[in-house]
């Protein structure tokens, strides 16, 4: 079963005098996680996203679309990246999600609903 592990983090954690070192350590943690997924034989994919300031959102209301700068939600956390992993259960997905390095924020774990799948 596939699960998407969405990395929601506060980009401000990487600001300030220690920000560059924290970013470097976080990226090293992601590389280690990828190595561990490969070693465990867990099929996965993932990508890092550009900062939330580069986002454009389309909002719909009563059939009318409007464009907005910025991320989709009013929040201090932005979607910074994701992994899609193929594991046997939610418990296994949660075990992997707990290993994602996030200095400040959270990980949303959600099952993937394959296209064309019933219910």
PDB file of N, CA and C in Angstrom:
ATOM      1  N   UNK A   1       0.847  -1.172   0.000  1.00  0.00           N
ATOM      2  CA  UNK A   1       0.000   0.000   0.000  1.00  0.00           C
ATOM      3  C   UNK A   1       0.893   1.235   0.000  1.00  0.00           C
ATOM      4  N   UNK A   2       0.534   2.209  -0.806  1.00  0.00           N
ATOM      5  CA  UNK A   2       1.324   3.439  -0.861  1.00  0.00           C
ATOM      6  C   UNK A   2       0.801   4.474   0.121  1.00  0.00           C
ATOM      7  N   UNK A   3       1.742   5.196   0.713  1.00  0.00           N
ATOM      8  CA  UNK A   3       1.429   6.297   1.616  1.00  0.00           C
ATOM      9  C   UNK A   3       2.255   7.503   1.195  1.00  0.00           C
ATOM     10  N   UNK A   4       1.639   8.684   1.279  1.00  0.00           N
ATOM     11  CA  UNK A   4       2.367   9.921   1.039  1.00  0.00           C
ATOM     12  C   UNK A   4       2.709  10.517   2.395  1.00  0.00           C
ATOM     13  N   UNK A   5       3.972  10.833   2.583  1.00  0.00           N
ATOM     14  CA  UNK A   5       4.463  11.458   3.811  1.00  0.00           C
ATOM     15  C   UNK A   5       4.764  12.907   3.470  1.00  0.00           C
ATOM     16  N   UNK A   6       3.853  13.814   3.843  1.00  0.00           N
ATOM     17  CA  UNK A   6       3.987  15.222   3.490  1.00  0.00           C
ATOM     18  C   UNK A   6       4.716  15.966   4.604  1.00  0.00           C
ATOM     19  N   UNK A   7       5.764  16.648   4.240  1.00  0.00           N
ATOM     20  CA  UNK A   7       6.618  17.341   5.197  1.00  0.00           C
ATOM     21  C   UNK A   7       6.138  18.781   5.311  1.00  0.00           C
ATOM     22  N   UNK A   8       5.465  19.087   6.397  1.00  0.00           N
ATOM     23  CA  UNK A   8       4.979  20.442   6.664  1.00  0.00           C
ATOM     24  C   UNK A   8       5.895  21.055   7.711  1.00  0.00           C
ATOM     25  N   UNK A   9       6.612  22.086   7.311  1.00  0.00           N
ATOM     26  CA  UNK A   9       7.564  22.668   8.240  1.00  0.00           C
ATOM     27  C   UNK A   9       7.516  24.182   8.217  1.00  0.00           C
ATOM     28  N   UNK A  10       8.042  24.759   9.278  1.00  0.00           N
ATOM     29  CA  UNK A  10       8.128  26.205   9.407  1.00  0.00           C
ATOM     30  C   UNK A  10       9.459  26.634   8.805  1.00  0.00           C
ATOM     31  N   UNK A  11       9.400  27.270   7.640  1.00  0.00           N
ATOM     32  CA  UNK A  11      10.623  27.668   6.949  1.00  0.00           C
ATOM     33  C   UNK A  11      11.485  28.624   7.759  1.00  0.00           C
ATOM     34  N   UNK A  12      10.906  29.305   8.738  1.00  0.00           N
ATOM     35  CA  UNK A  12      11.677  30.255   9.544  1.00  0.00           C
ATOM     36  C   UNK A  12      12.733  29.549  10.400  1.00  0.00           C
ATOM     37  N   UNK A  13      12.609  28.243  10.574  1.00  0.00           N
ATOM     38  CA  UNK A  13      13.601  27.497  11.353  1.00  0.00           C
ATOM     39  C   UNK A  13      14.987  27.588  10.709  1.00  0.00           C
ATOM     40  N   UNK A  14      15.026  27.840   9.397  1.00  0.00           N
ATOM     41  CA  UNK A  14      16.298  27.902   8.680  1.00  0.00           C
ATOM     42  C   UNK A  14      16.850  29.318   8.563  1.00  0.00           C
ATOM     43  N   UNK A  15      16.208  30.277   9.216  1.00  0.00           N
ATOM     44  CA  UNK A  15      16.683  31.663   9.207  1.00  0.00           C
ATOM     45  C   UNK A  15      17.668  31.859  10.356  1.00  0.00           C
ATOM     46  N   UNK A  16      18.326  32.959  10.346  1.00  0.00           N
ATOM     47  CA  UNK A  16      19.218  33.299  11.442  1.00  0.00           C
ATOM     48  C   UNK A  16      20.603  32.717  11.285  1.00  0.00           C
ATOM     49  N   UNK A  17      21.453  32.956  12.272  1.00  0.00           N
ATOM     50  CA  UNK A  17      22.863  32.579  12.158  1.00  0.00           C
ATOM     51  C   UNK A  17      23.105  31.065  12.077  1.00  0.00           C
ATOM     52  N   UNK A  18      22.233  30.246  12.631  1.00  0.00           N
ATOM     53  CA  UNK A  18      22.411  28.796  12.603  1.00  0.00           C
ATOM     54  C   UNK A  18      21.589  28.128  11.503  1.00  0.00           C
ATOM     55  N   UNK A  19      20.888  28.922  10.709  1.00  0.00           N
ATOM     56  CA  UNK A  19      19.991  28.381   9.694  1.00  0.00           C
ATOM     57  C   UNK A  19      20.678  27.521   8.649  1.00  0.00           C
ATOM     58  N   UNK A  20      21.818  27.973   8.145  1.00  0.00           N
ATOM     59  CA  UNK A  20      22.509  27.215   7.101  1.00  0.00           C
ATOM     60  C   UNK A  20      22.984  25.865   7.628  1.00  0.00           C
ATOM     61  N   UNK A  21      23.504  25.852   8.851  1.00  0.00           N
ATOM     62  CA  UNK A  21      23.971  24.596   9.451  1.00  0.00           C
ATOM     63  C   UNK A  21      22.798  23.658   9.707  1.00  0.00           C
ATOM     64  N   UNK A  22      21.669  24.217  10.143  1.00  0.00           N
ATOM     65  CA  UNK A  22      20.487  23.398  10.390  1.00  0.00           C
ATOM     66  C   UNK A  22      19.968  22.806   9.080  1.00  0.00           C
ATOM     67  N   UNK A  23      19.952  23.600   8.021  1.00  0.00           N
ATOM     68  CA  UNK A  23      19.513  23.104   6.720  1.00  0.00           C
ATOM     69  C   UNK A  23      20.435  21.984   6.239  1.00  0.00           C
ATOM     70  N   UNK A  24      21.735  22.169   6.387  1.00  0.00           N
ATOM     71  CA  UNK A  24      22.694  21.147   5.975  1.00  0.00           C
ATOM     72  C   UNK A  24      22.472  19.847   6.761  1.00  0.00           C
ATOM     73  N   UNK A  25      22.260  19.956   8.056  1.00  0.00           N
ATOM     74  CA  UNK A  25      22.013  18.766   8.884  1.00  0.00           C
ATOM     75  C   UNK A  25      20.699  18.089   8.505  1.00  0.00           C
ATOM     76  N   UNK A  26      19.685  18.894   8.212  1.00  0.00           N
ATOM     77  CA  UNK A  26      18.390  18.341   7.822  1.00  0.00           C
ATOM     78  C   UNK A  26      18.505  17.598   6.498  1.00  0.00           C
ATOM     79  N   UNK A  27      19.190  18.187   5.525  1.00  0.00           N
ATOM     80  CA  UNK A  27      19.377  17.533   4.229  1.00  0.00           C
ATOM     81  C   UNK A  27      20.177  16.237   4.375  1.00  0.00           C
ATOM     82  N   UNK A  28      21.167  16.236   5.251  1.00  0.00           N
ATOM     83  CA  UNK A  28      21.933  15.011   5.513  1.00  0.00           C
ATOM     84  C   UNK A  28      21.016  13.941   6.116  1.00  0.00           C
ATOM     85  N   UNK A  29      20.086  14.354   6.958  1.00  0.00           N
ATOM     86  CA  UNK A  29      19.119  13.414   7.530  1.00  0.00           C
ATOM     87  C   UNK A  29      18.224  12.805   6.466  1.00  0.00           C
ATOM     88  N   UNK A  30      17.840  13.611   5.482  1.00  0.00           N
ATOM     89  CA  UNK A  30      17.019  13.092   4.378  1.00  0.00           C
ATOM     90  C   UNK A  30      17.816  12.098   3.529  1.00  0.00           C
ATOM     91  N   UNK A  31      19.085  12.383   3.294  1.00  0.00           N
ATOM     92  CA  UNK A  31      19.923  11.457   2.525  1.00  0.00           C
ATOM     93  C   UNK A  31      20.054  10.127   3.271  1.00  0.00           C
ATOM     94  N   UNK A  32      20.223  10.190   4.584  1.00  0.00           N
ATOM     95  CA  UNK A  32      20.318   8.974   5.399  1.00  0.00           C
ATOM     96  C   UNK A  32      19.013   8.199   5.339  1.00  0.00           C
ATOM     97  N   UNK A  33      17.884   8.884   5.430  1.00  0.00           N
ATOM     98  CA  UNK A  33      16.586   8.219   5.351  1.00  0.00           C
ATOM     99  C   UNK A  33      16.443   7.510   4.000  1.00  0.00           C
ATOM    100  N   UNK A  34      16.818   8.166   2.909  1.00  0.00           N
ATOM    101  CA  UNK A  34      16.737   7.554   1.578  1.00  0.00           C
ATOM    102  C   UNK A  34      17.608   6.296   1.516  1.00  0.00           C
ATOM    103  N   UNK A  35      18.813   6.365   2.084  1.00  0.00           N
ATOM    104  CA  UNK A  35      19.691   5.187   2.126  1.00  0.00           C
ATOM    105  C   UNK A  35      19.044   4.059   2.923  1.00  0.00           C
ATOM    106  N   UNK A  36      18.415   4.385   4.029  1.00  0.00           N
ATOM    107  CA  UNK A  36      17.758   3.378   4.873  1.00  0.00           C
ATOM    108  C   UNK A  36      16.557   2.757   4.166  1.00  0.00           C
ATOM    109  N   UNK A  37      15.785   3.561   3.425  1.00  0.00           N
ATOM    110  CA  UNK A  37      14.656   3.034   2.662  1.00  0.00           C
ATOM    111  C   UNK A  37      15.147   2.045   1.606  1.00  0.00           C
ATOM    112  N   UNK A  38      16.221   2.403   0.907  1.00  0.00           N
ATOM    113  CA  UNK A  38      16.793   1.510  -0.099  1.00  0.00           C
ATOM    114  C   UNK A  38      17.276   0.224   0.560  1.00  0.00           C
ATOM    115  N   UNK A  39      18.005   0.355   1.665  1.00  0.00           N
ATOM    116  CA  UNK A  39      18.545  -0.817   2.359  1.00  0.00           C
ATOM    117  C   UNK A  39      17.436  -1.744   2.850  1.00  0.00           C
ATOM    118  N   UNK A  40      16.285  -1.163   3.232  1.00  0.00           N
ATOM    119  CA  UNK A  40      15.156  -1.953   3.722  1.00  0.00           C
ATOM    120  C   UNK A  40      14.300  -2.503   2.581  1.00  0.00           C
ATOM    121  N   UNK A  41      14.617  -2.131   1.346  1.00  0.00           N
ATOM    122  CA  UNK A  41      13.849  -2.607   0.197  1.00  0.00           C
ATOM    123  C   UNK A  41      12.487  -1.957   0.062  1.00  0.00           C
ATOM    124  N   UNK A  42      12.326  -0.744   0.612  1.00  0.00           N
ATOM    125  CA  UNK A  42      11.046  -0.037   0.546  1.00  0.00           C
ATOM    126  C   UNK A  42      11.014   0.815  -0.724  1.00  0.00           C
ATOM    127  N   UNK A  43      10.103   0.511  -1.665  1.00  0.00           N
ATOM    128  CA  UNK A  43       9.986   1.369  -2.846  1.00  0.00           C
ATOM    129  C   UNK A  43       9.522   2.772  -2.422  1.00  0.00           C
ATOM    130  N   UNK A  44      10.179   3.794  -2.977  1.00  0.00           N
ATOM    131  CA  UNK A  44       9.805   5.156  -2.603  1.00  0.00           C
ATOM    132  C   UNK A  44      10.180   6.134  -3.698  1.00  0.00           C
ATOM    133  N   UNK A  45       9.571   7.305  -3.619  1.00  0.00           N
ATOM    134  CA  UNK A  45       9.972   8.454  -4.414  1.00  0.00           C
ATOM    135  C   UNK A  45       9.784   9.667  -3.522  1.00  0.00           C
ATOM    136  N   UNK A  46      10.344  10.773  -3.917  1.00  0.00           N
ATOM    137  CA  UNK A  46      10.179  11.979  -3.120  1.00  0.00           C
ATOM    138  C   UNK A  46      10.844  13.152  -3.798  1.00  0.00           C
ATOM    139  N   UNK A  47      10.431  14.310  -3.397  1.00  0.00           N
ATOM    140  CA  UNK A  47      11.008  15.539  -3.946  1.00  0.00           C
ATOM    141  C   UNK A  47      10.991  16.627  -2.885  1.00  0.00           C
ATOM    142  N   UNK A  48      11.933  17.524  -3.010  1.00  0.00           N
ATOM    143  CA  UNK A  48      11.994  18.733  -2.208  1.00  0.00           C
ATOM    144  C   UNK A  48      11.277  19.823  -2.997  1.00  0.00           C
ATOM    145  N   UNK A  49      10.558  20.686  -2.319  1.00  0.00           N
ATOM    146  CA  UNK A  49       9.850  21.775  -2.992  1.00  0.00           C
ATOM    147  C   UNK A  49      10.555  23.103  -2.736  1.00  0.00           C
ATOM    148  N   UNK A  50      10.411  24.023  -3.672  1.00  0.00           N
ATOM    149  CA  UNK A  50      10.957  25.370  -3.473  1.00  0.00           C
ATOM    150  C   UNK A  50      10.164  26.054  -2.364  1.00  0.00           C
ATOM    151  N   UNK A  51      10.679  27.153  -1.784  1.00  0.00           N
ATOM    152  CA  UNK A  51       9.995  27.826  -0.671  1.00  0.00           C
ATOM    153  C   UNK A  51       8.555  28.228  -0.991  1.00  0.00           C
ATOM    154  N   UNK A  52       7.754  28.347   0.039  1.00  0.00           N
ATOM    155  CA  UNK A  52       6.335  28.666  -0.110  1.00  0.00           C
ATOM    156  C   UNK A  52       6.115  29.982  -0.857  1.00  0.00           C
ATOM    157  N   UNK A  53       7.065  30.904  -0.770  1.00  0.00           N
ATOM    158  CA  UNK A  53       6.921  32.191  -1.457  1.00  0.00           C
ATOM    159  C   UNK A  53       6.858  32.024  -2.972  1.00  0.00           C
ATOM    160  N   UNK A  54       7.282  30.871  -3.503  1.00  0.00           N
ATOM    161  CA  UNK A  54       7.234  30.640  -4.943  1.00  0.00           C
ATOM    162  C   UNK A  54       5.912  30.016  -5.387  1.00  0.00           C
ATOM    163  N   UNK A  55       5.031  29.706  -4.449  1.00  0.00           N
ATOM    164  CA  UNK A  55       3.781  29.007  -4.761  1.00  0.00           C
ATOM    165  C   UNK A  55       2.719  29.946  -5.334  1.00  0.00           C
ATOM    166  N   UNK A  56       1.861  29.392  -6.158  1.00  0.00           N
ATOM    167  CA  UNK A  56       0.657  30.064  -6.631  1.00  0.00           C
ATOM    168  C   UNK A  56      -0.497  29.107  -6.377  1.00  0.00           C
ATOM    169  N   UNK A  57      -1.577  29.612  -5.844  1.00  0.00           N
ATOM    170  CA  UNK A  57      -2.737  28.785  -5.515  1.00  0.00           C
ATOM    171  C   UNK A  57      -3.926  29.222  -6.352  1.00  0.00           C
ATOM    172  N   UNK A  58      -4.665  28.255  -6.849  1.00  0.00           N
ATOM    173  CA  UNK A  58      -5.934  28.522  -7.526  1.00  0.00           C
ATOM    174  C   UNK A  58      -7.044  28.180  -6.542  1.00  0.00           C
ATOM    175  N   UNK A  59      -7.902  29.144  -6.260  1.00  0.00           N
ATOM    176  CA  UNK A  59      -9.043  28.915  -5.372  1.00  0.00           C
ATOM    177  C   UNK A  59     -10.324  29.011  -6.187  1.00  0.00           C
ATOM    178  N   UNK A  60     -11.252  28.116  -5.872  1.00  0.00           N
ATOM    179  CA  UNK A  60     -12.541  28.084  -6.565  1.00  0.00           C
ATOM    180  C   UNK A  60     -13.642  28.487  -5.611  1.00  0.00           C
ATOM    181  N   UNK A  61     -14.531  29.326  -6.098  1.00  0.00           N
ATOM    182  CA  UNK A  61     -15.727  29.687  -5.330  1.00  0.00           C
ATOM    183  C   UNK A  61     -16.867  29.901  -6.314  1.00  0.00           C
ATOM    184  N   UNK A  62     -17.914  29.099  -6.152  1.00  0.00           N
ATOM    185  CA  UNK A  62     -19.090  29.195  -7.018  1.00  0.00           C
ATOM    186  C   UNK A  62     -18.727  29.157  -8.500  1.00  0.00           C
ATOM    187  N   UNK A  63     -17.790  28.280  -8.861  1.00  0.00           N
ATOM    188  CA  UNK A  63     -17.419  28.104 -10.257  1.00  0.00           C
ATOM    189  C   UNK A  63     -16.437  29.121 -10.804  1.00  0.00           C
ATOM    190  N   UNK A  64     -15.990  30.068  -9.985  1.00  0.00           N
ATOM    191  CA  UNK A  64     -15.047  31.090 -10.421  1.00  0.00           C
ATOM    192  C   UNK A  64     -13.678  30.812  -9.813  1.00  0.00           C
ATOM    193  N   UNK A  65     -12.657  30.808 -10.659  1.00  0.00           N
ATOM    194  CA  UNK A  65     -11.293  30.568 -10.196  1.00  0.00           C
ATOM    195  C   UNK A  65     -10.556  31.889 -10.023  1.00  0.00           C
ATOM    196  N   UNK A  66      -9.816  32.005  -8.931  1.00  0.00           N
ATOM    197  CA  UNK A  66      -8.955  33.166  -8.716  1.00  0.00           C
ATOM    198  C   UNK A  66      -7.564  32.667  -8.355  1.00  0.00           C
ATOM    199  N   UNK A  67      -6.547  33.426  -8.750  1.00  0.00           N
ATOM    200  CA  UNK A  67      -5.164  33.085  -8.455  1.00  0.00           C
ATOM    201  C   UNK A  67      -4.685  33.874  -7.248  1.00  0.00           C
ATOM    202  N   UNK A  68      -3.899  33.210  -6.423  1.00  0.00           N
ATOM    203  CA  UNK A  68      -3.345  33.841  -5.219  1.00  0.00           C
ATOM    204  C   UNK A  68      -1.869  33.479  -5.103  1.00  0.00           C
ATOM    205  N   UNK A  69      -1.046  34.419  -4.696  1.00  0.00           N
ATOM    206  CA  UNK A  69       0.353  34.128  -4.409  1.00  0.00           C
ATOM    207  C   UNK A  69       0.431  33.390  -3.091  1.00  0.00           C
ATOM    208  N   UNK A  70       1.371  32.467  -3.011  1.00  0.00           N
ATOM    209  CA  UNK A  70       1.625  31.783  -1.761  1.00  0.00           C
ATOM    210  C   UNK A  70       0.994  30.414  -1.661  1.00  0.00           C
ATOM    211  N   UNK A  71       1.234  29.758  -0.527  1.00  0.00           N
ATOM    212  CA  UNK A  71       0.768  28.392  -0.332  1.00  0.00           C
ATOM    213  C   UNK A  71      -0.742  28.332  -0.152  1.00  0.00           C
ATOM    214  N   UNK A  72      -1.272  27.121  -0.172  1.00  0.00           N
ATOM    215  CA  UNK A  72      -2.717  26.926  -0.183  1.00  0.00           C
ATOM    216  C   UNK A  72      -3.399  27.236   1.135  1.00  0.00           C
ATOM    217  N   UNK A  73      -2.680  27.213   2.240  1.00  0.00           N
ATOM    218  CA  UNK A  73      -3.317  27.359   3.547  1.00  0.00           C
ATOM    219  C   UNK A  73      -2.744  28.559   4.296  1.00  0.00           C
ATOM    220  N   UNK A  74      -3.554  29.141   5.126  1.00  0.00           N
ATOM    221  CA  UNK A  74      -3.091  30.203   6.009  1.00  0.00           C
ATOM    222  C   UNK A  74      -2.475  29.534   7.236  1.00  0.00           C
ATOM    223  N   UNK A  75      -1.172  29.427   7.236  1.00  0.00           N
ATOM    224  CA  UNK A  75      -0.489  28.705   8.295  1.00  0.00           C
ATOM    225  C   UNK A  75       0.961  29.159   8.370  1.00  0.00           C
ATOM    226  N   UNK A  76       1.620  28.795   9.449  1.00  0.00           N
ATOM    227  CA  UNK A  76       3.046  29.093   9.585  1.00  0.00           C
ATOM    228  C   UNK A  76       3.895  27.953   9.045  1.00  0.00           C
ATOM    229  N   UNK A  77       3.246  26.851   8.674  1.00  0.00           N
ATOM    230  CA  UNK A  77       3.957  25.718   8.116  1.00  0.00           C
ATOM    231  C   UNK A  77       3.612  25.593   6.633  1.00  0.00           C
ATOM    232  N   UNK A  78       4.614  25.238   5.850  1.00  0.00           N
ATOM    233  CA  UNK A  78       4.422  25.079   4.423  1.00  0.00           C
ATOM    234  C   UNK A  78       4.790  23.654   4.035  1.00  0.00           C
ATOM    235  N   UNK A  79       4.208  23.168   2.950  1.00  0.00           N
ATOM    236  CA  UNK A  79       4.589  21.871   2.416  1.00  0.00           C
ATOM    237  C   UNK A  79       5.973  22.020   1.812  1.00  0.00           C
ATOM    238  N   UNK A  80       6.955  21.382   2.426  1.00  0.00           N
ATOM    239  CA  UNK A  80       8.338  21.537   1.991  1.00  0.00           C
ATOM    240  C   UNK A  80       8.824  20.420   1.098  1.00  0.00           C
ATOM    241  N   UNK A  81       8.117  19.308   1.094  1.00  0.00           N
ATOM    242  CA  UNK A  81       8.516  18.173   0.280  1.00  0.00           C
ATOM    243  C   UNK A  81       7.672  16.966   0.651  1.00  0.00           C
ATOM    244  N   UNK A  82       7.991  15.841   0.050  1.00  0.00           N
ATOM    245  CA  UNK A  82       7.194  14.648   0.319  1.00  0.00           C
ATOM    246  C   UNK A  82       7.971  13.397  -0.048  1.00  0.00           C
ATOM    247  N   UNK A  83       7.540  12.302   0.518  1.00  0.00           N
ATOM    248  CA  UNK A  83       7.958  10.966   0.115  1.00  0.00           C
ATOM    249  C   UNK A  83       6.694  10.197  -0.202  1.00  0.00           C
ATOM    250  N   UNK A  84       6.753   9.320  -1.179  1.00  0.00           N
ATOM    251  CA  UNK A  84       5.709   8.330  -1.390  1.00  0.00           C
ATOM    252  C   UNK A  84       6.396   6.991  -1.194  1.00  0.00           C
ATOM    253  N   UNK A  85       5.911   6.240  -0.212  1.00  0.00           N
ATOM    254  CA  UNK A  85       6.512   4.949   0.100  1.00  0.00           C
ATOM    255  C   UNK A  85       5.479   3.847  -0.092  1.00  0.00           C
ATOM    256  N   UNK A  86       5.949   2.651  -0.366  1.00  0.00           N
ATOM    257  CA  UNK A  86       5.079   1.500  -0.557  1.00  0.00           C
ATOM    258  C   UNK A  86       5.408   0.486   0.529  1.00  0.00           C
ATOM    259  N   UNK A  87       4.569   0.445   1.551  1.00  0.00           N
ATOM    260  CA  UNK A  87       4.771  -0.445   2.702  1.00  0.00           C
ATOM    261  C   UNK A  87       3.481  -1.205   2.984  1.00  0.00           C
ATOM    262  N   UNK A  88       3.554  -2.159   3.901  1.00  0.00           N
ATOM    263  CA  UNK A  88       2.420  -3.050   4.129  1.00  0.00           C
ATOM    264  C   UNK A  88       1.302  -2.476   4.992  1.00  0.00           C
ATOM    265  N   UNK A  89       1.564  -1.402   5.746  1.00  0.00           N
ATOM    266  CA  UNK A  89       0.529  -0.926   6.667  1.00  0.00           C
ATOM    267  C   UNK A  89       0.758   0.526   7.063  1.00  0.00           C
ATOM    268  N   UNK A  90      -0.275   1.112   7.671  1.00  0.00           N
ATOM    269  CA  UNK A  90      -0.149   2.460   8.220  1.00  0.00           C
ATOM    270  C   UNK A  90       0.913   2.485   9.310  1.00  0.00           C
ATOM    271  N   UNK A  91       0.957   1.453  10.140  1.00  0.00           N
ATOM    272  CA  UNK A  91       1.969   1.415  11.203  1.00  0.00           C
ATOM    273  C   UNK A  91       3.381   1.497  10.628  1.00  0.00           C
ATOM    274  N   UNK A  92       3.626   0.774   9.545  1.00  0.00           N
ATOM    275  CA  UNK A  92       4.946   0.829   8.908  1.00  0.00           C
ATOM    276  C   UNK A  92       5.214   2.223   8.339  1.00  0.00           C
ATOM    277  N   UNK A  93       4.188   2.832   7.724  1.00  0.00           N
ATOM    278  CA  UNK A  93       4.346   4.185   7.181  1.00  0.00           C
ATOM    279  C   UNK A  93       4.671   5.170   8.298  1.00  0.00           C
ATOM    280  N   UNK A  94       4.009   5.022   9.435  1.00  0.00           N
ATOM    281  CA  UNK A  94       4.265   5.915  10.572  1.00  0.00           C
ATOM    282  C   UNK A  94       5.678   5.733  11.120  1.00  0.00           C
ATOM    283  N   UNK A  95       6.160   4.502  11.120  1.00  0.00           N
ATOM    284  CA  UNK A  95       7.540   4.264  11.574  1.00  0.00           C
ATOM    285  C   UNK A  95       8.531   5.021  10.700  1.00  0.00           C
ATOM    286  N   UNK A  96       8.338   4.971   9.382  1.00  0.00           N
ATOM    287  CA  UNK A  96       9.223   5.708   8.481  1.00  0.00           C
ATOM    288  C   UNK A  96       9.029   7.212   8.639  1.00  0.00           C
ATOM    289  N   UNK A  97       7.803   7.668   8.773  1.00  0.00           N
ATOM    290  CA  UNK A  97       7.529   9.103   8.912  1.00  0.00           C
ATOM    291  C   UNK A  97       8.208   9.688  10.139  1.00  0.00           C
ATOM    292  N   UNK A  98       8.272   8.915  11.214  1.00  0.00           N
ATOM    293  CA  UNK A  98       8.933   9.399  12.441  1.00  0.00           C
ATOM    294  C   UNK A  98      10.421   9.665  12.229  1.00  0.00           C
ATOM    295  N   UNK A  99      10.994   9.119  11.192  1.00  0.00           N
ATOM    296  CA  UNK A  99      12.424   9.262  10.927  1.00  0.00           C
ATOM    297  C   UNK A  99      12.745  10.456  10.020  1.00  0.00           C
ATOM    298  N   UNK A 100      11.733  11.137   9.521  1.00  0.00           N
ATOM    299  CA  UNK A 100      11.973  12.286   8.645  1.00  0.00           C
ATOM    300  C   UNK A 100      12.445  13.467   9.487  1.00  0.00           C
ATOM    301  N   UNK A 101      13.594  14.052   9.143  1.00  0.00           N
ATOM    302  CA  UNK A 101      14.094  15.181   9.930  1.00  0.00           C
ATOM    303  C   UNK A 101      13.302  16.462   9.643  1.00  0.00           C
ATOM    304  N   UNK A 102      12.677  17.000  10.672  1.00  0.00           N
ATOM    305  CA  UNK A 102      11.928  18.248  10.577  1.00  0.00           C
ATOM    306  C   UNK A 102      12.252  19.072  11.824  1.00  0.00           C
ATOM    307  N   UNK A 103      13.021  20.160  11.673  1.00  0.00           N
ATOM    308  CA  UNK A 103      13.375  20.964  12.839  1.00  0.00           C
ATOM    309  C   UNK A 103      12.166  21.576  13.542  1.00  0.00           C
ATOM    310  N   UNK A 104      11.154  21.977  12.767  1.00  0.00           N
ATOM    311  CA  UNK A 104       9.979  22.617  13.354  1.00  0.00           C
ATOM    312  C   UNK A 104       8.809  22.399  12.404  1.00  0.00           C
ATOM    313  N   UNK A 105       7.850  21.569  12.791  1.00  0.00           N
ATOM    314  CA  UNK A 105       6.718  21.295  11.917  1.00  0.00           C
ATOM    315  C   UNK A 105       6.168  19.906  12.155  1.00  0.00           C
ATOM    316  N   UNK A 106       5.627  19.285  11.124  1.00  0.00           N
ATOM    317  CA  UNK A 106       5.024  17.976  11.279  1.00  0.00           C
ATOM    318  C   UNK A 106       5.006  17.219   9.965  1.00  0.00           C
ATOM    319  N   UNK A 107       4.622  15.959  10.049  1.00  0.00           N
ATOM    320  CA  UNK A 107       4.520  15.093   8.890  1.00  0.00           C
ATOM    321  C   UNK A 107       3.092  14.578   8.807  1.00  0.00           C
ATOM    322  N   UNK A 108       2.435  14.807   7.692  1.00  0.00           N
ATOM    323  CA  UNK A 108       1.104  14.241   7.461  1.00  0.00           C
ATOM    324  C   UNK A 108       1.280  12.953   6.677  1.00  0.00           C
ATOM    325  N   UNK A 109       0.692  11.873   7.176  1.00  0.00           N
ATOM    326  CA  UNK A 109       0.760  10.575   6.521  1.00  0.00           C
ATOM    327  C   UNK A 109      -0.627  10.267   5.972  1.00  0.00           C
ATOM    328  N   UNK A 110      -0.699  10.035   4.664  1.00  0.00           N
ATOM    329  CA  UNK A 110      -2.002   9.810   4.048  1.00  0.00           C
ATOM    330  C   UNK A 110      -1.890   8.694   3.012  1.00  0.00           C
ATOM    331  N   UNK A 111      -2.834   7.726   3.027  1.00  0.00           N
ATOM    332  CA  UNK A 111      -2.804   6.681   2.007  1.00  0.00           C
ATOM    333  C   UNK A 111      -3.047   7.278   0.617  1.00  0.00           C
ATOM    334  N   UNK A 112      -2.373   6.706  -0.369  1.00  0.00           N
ATOM    335  CA  UNK A 112      -2.575   7.109  -1.755  1.00  0.00           C
ATOM    336  C   UNK A 112      -3.789   6.353  -2.283  1.00  0.00           C
ATOM    337  N   UNK A 113      -4.662   7.045  -2.964  1.00  0.00           N
ATOM    338  CA  UNK A 113      -5.851   6.454  -3.575  1.00  0.00           C
ATOM    339  C   UNK A 113      -5.552   6.321  -5.050  1.00  0.00           C
ATOM    340  N   UNK A 114      -5.172   5.127  -5.503  1.00  0.00           N
ATOM    341  CA  UNK A 114      -4.772   4.956  -6.909  1.00  0.00           C
ATOM    342  C   UNK A 114      -5.886   5.358  -7.872  1.00  0.00           C
ATOM    343  N   UNK A 115      -5.500   5.935  -8.974  1.00  0.00           N
ATOM    344  CA  UNK A 115      -6.460   6.327 -10.005  1.00  0.00           C
ATOM    345  C   UNK A 115      -7.205   5.092 -10.495  1.00  0.00           C
ATOM    346  N   UNK A 116      -8.519   5.202 -10.623  1.00  0.00           N
ATOM    347  CA  UNK A 116      -9.322   4.108 -11.111  1.00  0.00           C
ATOM    348  C   UNK A 116      -9.708   3.099 -10.047  1.00  0.00           C
ATOM    349  N   UNK A 117      -9.192   3.254  -8.832  1.00  0.00           N
ATOM    350  CA  UNK A 117      -9.507   2.302  -7.760  1.00  0.00           C
ATOM    351  C   UNK A 117     -10.904   2.568  -7.224  1.00  0.00           C
ATOM    352  N   UNK A 118     -11.589   1.529  -6.906  1.00  0.00           N
ATOM    353  CA  UNK A 118     -12.921   1.657  -6.319  1.00  0.00           C
ATOM    354  C   UNK A 118     -12.802   1.925  -4.824  1.00  0.00           C
ATOM    355  N   UNK A 119     -13.758   2.740  -4.302  1.00  0.00           N
ATOM    356  CA  UNK A 119     -13.911   3.002  -2.870  1.00  0.00           C
ATOM    357  C   UNK A 119     -12.662   3.229  -2.174  1.00  0.00           C
TER     358      UNK A 119
END
